[in-house]
Amino acid sequence: MSHHRIPADWTIQRSTPFFTKDNVPAALLSHHNTAKEVFGQLCVMEGTVTYYGFPDSENMEPEVTVVINAGQFATSPPEYWHRIAMSDDAQFNINFWSDTDKKDQPMFHVKGS
């Protein structure tokens, strides 16, 4: 996964709080995908977050592995299946970008939901 470009006219619809090992939602550590017409931008403040991308909802063998270090970010394109792993000292948040107002809609979907 290269940095998928977020279109210039899209805006941040929602930003998560900062997550650590203590409060990271379990969904992020398991197979999930970004919603339709939503980009996820994962921004790492401390430690390391590893992003694993998958070709579909069933495949458990990653086709993409990106290590995101402190001060870096990576983007996840709409409807792309992925999960993350994090170092013990990792701290990160996620910005969800879209071209339309999606503030009341889910930004991602967990496998099986």
N, C-alpha and C. Protein backbone atom coordinates (compact mmCIF):
# COMPACT_ATOMS: atom_id res chain seq x y z
N MET A 1 0.85 -1.17 0.00
CA MET A 1 0.00 0.00 0.00
C MET A 1 0.89 1.23 0.00
N SER A 2 0.84 1.96 -1.06
CA SER A 2 1.48 3.26 -1.04
C SER A 2 0.55 4.17 -0.27
N HIS A 3 0.92 5.40 -0.09
CA HIS A 3 -0.03 6.34 0.52
C HIS A 3 -1.12 6.59 -0.50
N HIS A 4 -2.29 6.03 -0.26
CA HIS A 4 -3.42 6.33 -1.13
C HIS A 4 -3.78 7.79 -0.88
N ARG A 5 -3.90 8.54 -1.94
CA ARG A 5 -4.16 9.96 -1.78
C ARG A 5 -5.62 10.21 -1.43
N ILE A 6 -5.81 10.98 -0.39
CA ILE A 6 -7.15 11.42 -0.03
C ILE A 6 -7.48 12.59 -0.95
N PRO A 7 -8.60 12.55 -1.64
CA PRO A 7 -8.93 13.65 -2.56
C PRO A 7 -8.90 15.01 -1.86
N ALA A 8 -8.43 16.02 -2.57
CA ALA A 8 -8.18 17.33 -2.00
C ALA A 8 -9.43 18.00 -1.43
N ASP A 9 -10.60 17.66 -1.96
CA ASP A 9 -11.82 18.32 -1.50
C ASP A 9 -12.52 17.56 -0.36
N TRP A 10 -11.92 16.46 0.10
CA TRP A 10 -12.50 15.72 1.21
C TRP A 10 -12.10 16.36 2.53
N THR A 11 -12.90 16.14 3.56
CA THR A 11 -12.62 16.72 4.87
C THR A 11 -12.71 15.64 5.95
N ILE A 12 -12.14 15.96 7.10
CA ILE A 12 -12.20 15.02 8.24
C ILE A 12 -13.62 15.04 8.80
N GLN A 13 -14.24 13.87 8.86
CA GLN A 13 -15.60 13.73 9.39
C GLN A 13 -15.58 13.41 10.88
N ARG A 14 -14.53 12.73 11.30
CA ARG A 14 -14.44 12.31 12.70
C ARG A 14 -12.99 11.99 13.01
N SER A 15 -12.58 12.29 14.23
CA SER A 15 -11.26 11.90 14.71
C SER A 15 -11.44 11.13 16.00
N THR A 16 -10.69 10.06 16.15
CA THR A 16 -10.78 9.28 17.38
C THR A 16 -9.93 9.93 18.46
N PRO A 17 -10.15 9.57 19.71
CA PRO A 17 -9.19 9.94 20.75
C PRO A 17 -7.87 9.19 20.50
N PHE A 18 -6.86 9.49 21.28
CA PHE A 18 -5.61 8.75 21.17
C PHE A 18 -5.79 7.38 21.82
N PHE A 19 -5.33 6.36 21.10
CA PHE A 19 -5.41 4.99 21.60
C PHE A 19 -4.04 4.50 22.04
N THR A 20 -4.04 3.70 23.11
CA THR A 20 -2.86 2.98 23.58
C THR A 20 -3.27 1.52 23.73
N LYS A 21 -2.32 0.68 24.16
CA LYS A 21 -2.64 -0.73 24.41
C LYS A 21 -3.80 -0.87 25.39
N ASP A 22 -3.95 0.11 26.29
CA ASP A 22 -4.95 0.01 27.36
C ASP A 22 -6.37 0.30 26.89
N ASN A 23 -6.52 1.09 25.82
CA ASN A 23 -7.88 1.49 25.44
C ASN A 23 -8.19 1.29 23.96
N VAL A 24 -7.30 0.62 23.22
CA VAL A 24 -7.57 0.43 21.79
C VAL A 24 -8.80 -0.45 21.60
N PRO A 25 -9.73 -0.04 20.73
CA PRO A 25 -10.90 -0.89 20.47
C PRO A 25 -10.48 -2.23 19.86
N ALA A 26 -11.05 -3.31 20.36
CA ALA A 26 -10.70 -4.64 19.87
C ALA A 26 -10.92 -4.76 18.37
N ALA A 27 -11.91 -4.02 17.84
CA ALA A 27 -12.22 -4.11 16.41
C ALA A 27 -11.02 -3.73 15.55
N LEU A 28 -10.20 -2.78 16.02
CA LEU A 28 -9.06 -2.34 15.22
C LEU A 28 -7.98 -3.41 15.11
N LEU A 29 -7.95 -4.31 16.09
CA LEU A 29 -6.94 -5.37 16.11
C LEU A 29 -7.41 -6.60 15.35
N SER A 30 -8.65 -6.58 14.86
CA SER A 30 -9.19 -7.70 14.11
C SER A 30 -9.58 -7.24 12.71
N HIS A 31 -9.96 -8.17 11.89
CA HIS A 31 -10.31 -7.93 10.48
C HIS A 31 -11.48 -6.94 10.40
N HIS A 32 -11.26 -5.78 9.79
CA HIS A 32 -12.34 -4.81 9.60
C HIS A 32 -12.05 -4.01 8.33
N ASN A 33 -13.03 -3.26 7.87
CA ASN A 33 -12.77 -2.42 6.71
C ASN A 33 -13.34 -1.03 6.91
N THR A 34 -12.77 -0.09 6.17
CA THR A 34 -13.30 1.27 6.20
C THR A 34 -14.61 1.28 5.42
N ALA A 35 -15.49 2.17 5.80
CA ALA A 35 -16.80 2.26 5.15
C ALA A 35 -16.66 2.77 3.72
N LYS A 36 -17.73 2.63 2.96
CA LYS A 36 -17.77 3.13 1.59
C LYS A 36 -17.54 4.64 1.60
N GLU A 37 -16.70 5.12 0.69
CA GLU A 37 -16.40 6.54 0.55
C GLU A 37 -15.80 7.15 1.81
N VAL A 38 -15.04 6.36 2.56
CA VAL A 38 -14.35 6.85 3.76
C VAL A 38 -12.90 6.39 3.71
N PHE A 39 -11.98 7.33 3.88
CA PHE A 39 -10.55 7.02 4.04
C PHE A 39 -10.22 7.06 5.52
N GLY A 40 -9.43 6.11 5.99
CA GLY A 40 -8.89 6.17 7.33
C GLY A 40 -7.45 6.66 7.26
N GLN A 41 -7.09 7.60 8.13
CA GLN A 41 -5.72 8.11 8.20
C GLN A 41 -5.22 7.82 9.61
N LEU A 42 -4.29 6.87 9.71
CA LEU A 42 -3.78 6.44 11.00
C LEU A 42 -2.51 7.22 11.29
N CYS A 43 -2.52 7.98 12.38
CA CYS A 43 -1.40 8.86 12.74
C CYS A 43 -0.76 8.37 14.04
N VAL A 44 0.52 8.04 13.97
CA VAL A 44 1.22 7.47 15.12
C VAL A 44 2.02 8.57 15.83
N MET A 45 1.77 8.74 17.13
CA MET A 45 2.47 9.74 17.93
C MET A 45 3.68 9.14 18.64
N GLU A 46 3.51 7.92 19.15
CA GLU A 46 4.60 7.24 19.86
C GLU A 46 4.59 5.77 19.48
N GLY A 47 5.76 5.15 19.59
CA GLY A 47 5.85 3.72 19.32
C GLY A 47 5.66 3.40 17.85
N THR A 48 5.14 2.21 17.59
CA THR A 48 4.98 1.70 16.23
C THR A 48 3.63 1.01 16.09
N VAL A 49 2.96 1.27 14.97
CA VAL A 49 1.74 0.55 14.62
C VAL A 49 2.00 -0.14 13.29
N THR A 50 1.68 -1.42 13.21
CA THR A 50 1.83 -2.17 11.95
C THR A 50 0.45 -2.40 11.36
N TYR A 51 0.32 -2.03 10.09
CA TYR A 51 -0.95 -2.11 9.36
C TYR A 51 -0.86 -3.31 8.41
N TYR A 52 -1.84 -4.20 8.47
CA TYR A 52 -1.92 -5.35 7.58
C TYR A 52 -3.15 -5.20 6.70
N GLY A 53 -2.97 -5.22 5.39
CA GLY A 53 -4.07 -5.10 4.45
C GLY A 53 -4.37 -6.42 3.78
N PHE A 54 -5.64 -6.70 3.54
CA PHE A 54 -6.08 -7.99 3.01
C PHE A 54 -6.89 -7.80 1.73
N PRO A 55 -6.82 -8.76 0.81
CA PRO A 55 -7.54 -8.62 -0.46
C PRO A 55 -9.06 -8.70 -0.33
N ASP A 56 -9.55 -9.34 0.72
CA ASP A 56 -11.01 -9.45 0.91
C ASP A 56 -11.31 -9.82 2.36
N SER A 57 -12.58 -10.01 2.67
CA SER A 57 -12.99 -10.24 4.06
C SER A 57 -12.59 -11.62 4.58
N GLU A 58 -12.38 -12.57 3.66
CA GLU A 58 -12.11 -13.95 4.08
C GLU A 58 -10.62 -14.26 4.19
N ASN A 59 -9.81 -13.59 3.39
CA ASN A 59 -8.39 -13.90 3.32
C ASN A 59 -7.67 -13.40 4.56
N MET A 60 -6.94 -14.29 5.23
CA MET A 60 -6.22 -13.92 6.44
C MET A 60 -4.72 -13.72 6.20
N GLU A 61 -4.31 -13.87 4.95
CA GLU A 61 -2.90 -13.67 4.59
C GLU A 61 -2.75 -12.25 4.05
N PRO A 62 -2.01 -11.37 4.77
CA PRO A 62 -1.93 -9.98 4.31
C PRO A 62 -1.24 -9.84 2.96
N GLU A 63 -1.79 -8.97 2.12
CA GLU A 63 -1.14 -8.65 0.86
C GLU A 63 -0.27 -7.40 1.01
N VAL A 64 -0.46 -6.70 2.12
CA VAL A 64 0.25 -5.45 2.38
C VAL A 64 0.61 -5.41 3.86
N THR A 65 1.85 -5.03 4.16
CA THR A 65 2.27 -4.78 5.53
C THR A 65 3.00 -3.45 5.56
N VAL A 66 2.53 -2.53 6.40
CA VAL A 66 3.16 -1.22 6.51
C VAL A 66 3.47 -0.96 7.98
N VAL A 67 4.72 -0.67 8.28
CA VAL A 67 5.12 -0.30 9.63
C VAL A 67 5.09 1.23 9.72
N ILE A 68 4.30 1.75 10.64
CA ILE A 68 4.13 3.19 10.81
C ILE A 68 4.81 3.58 12.12
N ASN A 69 5.84 4.37 12.03
CA ASN A 69 6.60 4.79 13.21
C ASN A 69 6.10 6.13 13.73
N ALA A 70 6.55 6.48 14.94
CA ALA A 70 6.16 7.75 15.56
C ALA A 70 6.43 8.90 14.60
N GLY A 71 5.45 9.78 14.44
CA GLY A 71 5.59 10.92 13.55
C GLY A 71 5.17 10.64 12.13
N GLN A 72 4.75 9.42 11.84
CA GLN A 72 4.34 9.05 10.49
C GLN A 72 2.84 8.74 10.47
N PHE A 73 2.30 8.65 9.25
CA PHE A 73 0.91 8.24 9.11
C PHE A 73 0.80 7.36 7.88
N ALA A 74 -0.30 6.64 7.79
CA ALA A 74 -0.63 5.86 6.60
C ALA A 74 -2.13 5.98 6.38
N THR A 75 -2.54 5.80 5.14
CA THR A 75 -3.96 5.90 4.82
C THR A 75 -4.50 4.54 4.39
N SER A 76 -5.75 4.31 4.72
CA SER A 76 -6.44 3.09 4.35
C SER A 76 -7.61 3.47 3.45
N PRO A 77 -7.64 2.93 2.23
CA PRO A 77 -8.68 3.36 1.29
C PRO A 77 -10.06 2.82 1.67
N PRO A 78 -11.11 3.41 1.08
CA PRO A 78 -12.48 2.97 1.38
C PRO A 78 -12.68 1.47 1.10
N GLU A 79 -13.42 0.84 1.99
CA GLU A 79 -13.83 -0.56 1.84
C GLU A 79 -12.66 -1.53 1.71
N TYR A 80 -11.54 -1.21 2.33
CA TYR A 80 -10.37 -2.09 2.27
C TYR A 80 -10.22 -2.81 3.61
N TRP A 81 -10.11 -4.13 3.54
CA TRP A 81 -10.01 -4.95 4.76
C TRP A 81 -8.62 -4.86 5.34
N HIS A 82 -8.55 -4.68 6.65
CA HIS A 82 -7.25 -4.53 7.31
C HIS A 82 -7.39 -4.77 8.80
N ARG A 83 -6.25 -4.83 9.45
CA ARG A 83 -6.18 -4.84 10.92
C ARG A 83 -4.85 -4.24 11.31
N ILE A 84 -4.68 -3.92 12.58
CA ILE A 84 -3.40 -3.38 13.04
C ILE A 84 -2.85 -4.21 14.19
N ALA A 85 -1.55 -4.05 14.40
CA ALA A 85 -0.89 -4.53 15.61
C ALA A 85 -0.09 -3.34 16.13
N MET A 86 0.17 -3.30 17.41
CA MET A 86 0.84 -2.13 17.97
C MET A 86 1.89 -2.52 18.99
N SER A 87 2.95 -1.70 19.08
CA SER A 87 3.97 -1.91 20.09
C SER A 87 3.38 -1.53 21.45
N ASP A 88 4.02 -2.00 22.52
CA ASP A 88 3.50 -1.75 23.87
C ASP A 88 3.41 -0.27 24.19
N ASP A 89 4.29 0.54 23.58
CA ASP A 89 4.31 1.97 23.88
C ASP A 89 3.60 2.81 22.82
N ALA A 90 2.88 2.15 21.90
CA ALA A 90 2.25 2.88 20.80
C ALA A 90 1.13 3.79 21.29
N GLN A 91 1.04 4.95 20.64
CA GLN A 91 -0.05 5.89 20.85
C GLN A 91 -0.40 6.44 19.48
N PHE A 92 -1.69 6.33 19.10
CA PHE A 92 -2.11 6.77 17.77
C PHE A 92 -3.56 7.21 17.78
N ASN A 93 -3.94 7.90 16.73
CA ASN A 93 -5.36 8.16 16.52
C ASN A 93 -5.67 8.00 15.05
N ILE A 94 -6.96 8.04 14.72
CA ILE A 94 -7.41 7.86 13.35
C ILE A 94 -8.32 9.03 12.97
N ASN A 95 -8.03 9.61 11.81
CA ASN A 95 -8.92 10.60 11.22
C ASN A 95 -9.69 9.92 10.09
N PHE A 96 -10.99 10.12 10.06
CA PHE A 96 -11.82 9.56 8.98
C PHE A 96 -12.22 10.69 8.04
N TRP A 97 -11.85 10.53 6.77
CA TRP A 97 -12.08 11.55 5.74
C TRP A 97 -13.16 11.09 4.77
N SER A 98 -13.99 12.04 4.32
CA SER A 98 -14.98 11.75 3.29
C SER A 98 -15.33 13.02 2.54
N ASP A 99 -16.02 12.85 1.42
CA ASP A 99 -16.43 14.01 0.63
C ASP A 99 -17.82 14.49 1.02
N THR A 100 -18.52 13.73 1.84
CA THR A 100 -19.87 14.12 2.25
C THR A 100 -19.98 14.00 3.76
N ASP A 101 -21.00 14.60 4.30
CA ASP A 101 -21.19 14.58 5.75
C ASP A 101 -21.60 13.17 6.19
N LYS A 102 -20.71 12.53 6.91
CA LYS A 102 -20.98 11.18 7.40
C LYS A 102 -20.87 11.12 8.92
N LYS A 103 -21.03 12.24 9.56
CA LYS A 103 -20.80 12.30 11.01
C LYS A 103 -21.69 11.34 11.80
N ASP A 104 -22.85 11.00 11.25
CA ASP A 104 -23.77 10.11 11.97
C ASP A 104 -23.71 8.67 11.47
N GLN A 105 -22.76 8.37 10.58
CA GLN A 105 -22.68 7.03 10.00
C GLN A 105 -21.44 6.30 10.52
N PRO A 106 -21.49 4.96 10.51
CA PRO A 106 -20.30 4.20 10.91
C PRO A 106 -19.15 4.44 9.95
N MET A 107 -17.94 4.52 10.50
CA MET A 107 -16.75 4.77 9.70
C MET A 107 -16.04 3.48 9.30
N PHE A 108 -16.39 2.38 9.98
CA PHE A 108 -15.79 1.10 9.58
C PHE A 108 -16.74 -0.02 9.96
N HIS A 109 -16.47 -1.21 9.45
CA HIS A 109 -17.29 -2.39 9.69
C HIS A 109 -16.40 -3.55 10.10
N VAL A 110 -16.83 -4.27 11.12
CA VAL A 110 -16.09 -5.43 11.59
C VAL A 110 -16.59 -6.66 10.86
N LYS A 111 -15.69 -7.59 10.58
CA LYS A 111 -16.06 -8.83 9.90
C LYS A 111 -17.21 -9.50 10.63
N GLY A 112 -18.24 -9.86 9.87
CA GLY A 112 -19.39 -10.55 10.45
C GLY A 112 -20.48 -9.64 10.97
N SER A 113 -20.26 -8.31 10.89
CA SER A 113 -21.30 -7.41 11.40
C SER A 113 -22.03 -6.74 10.25
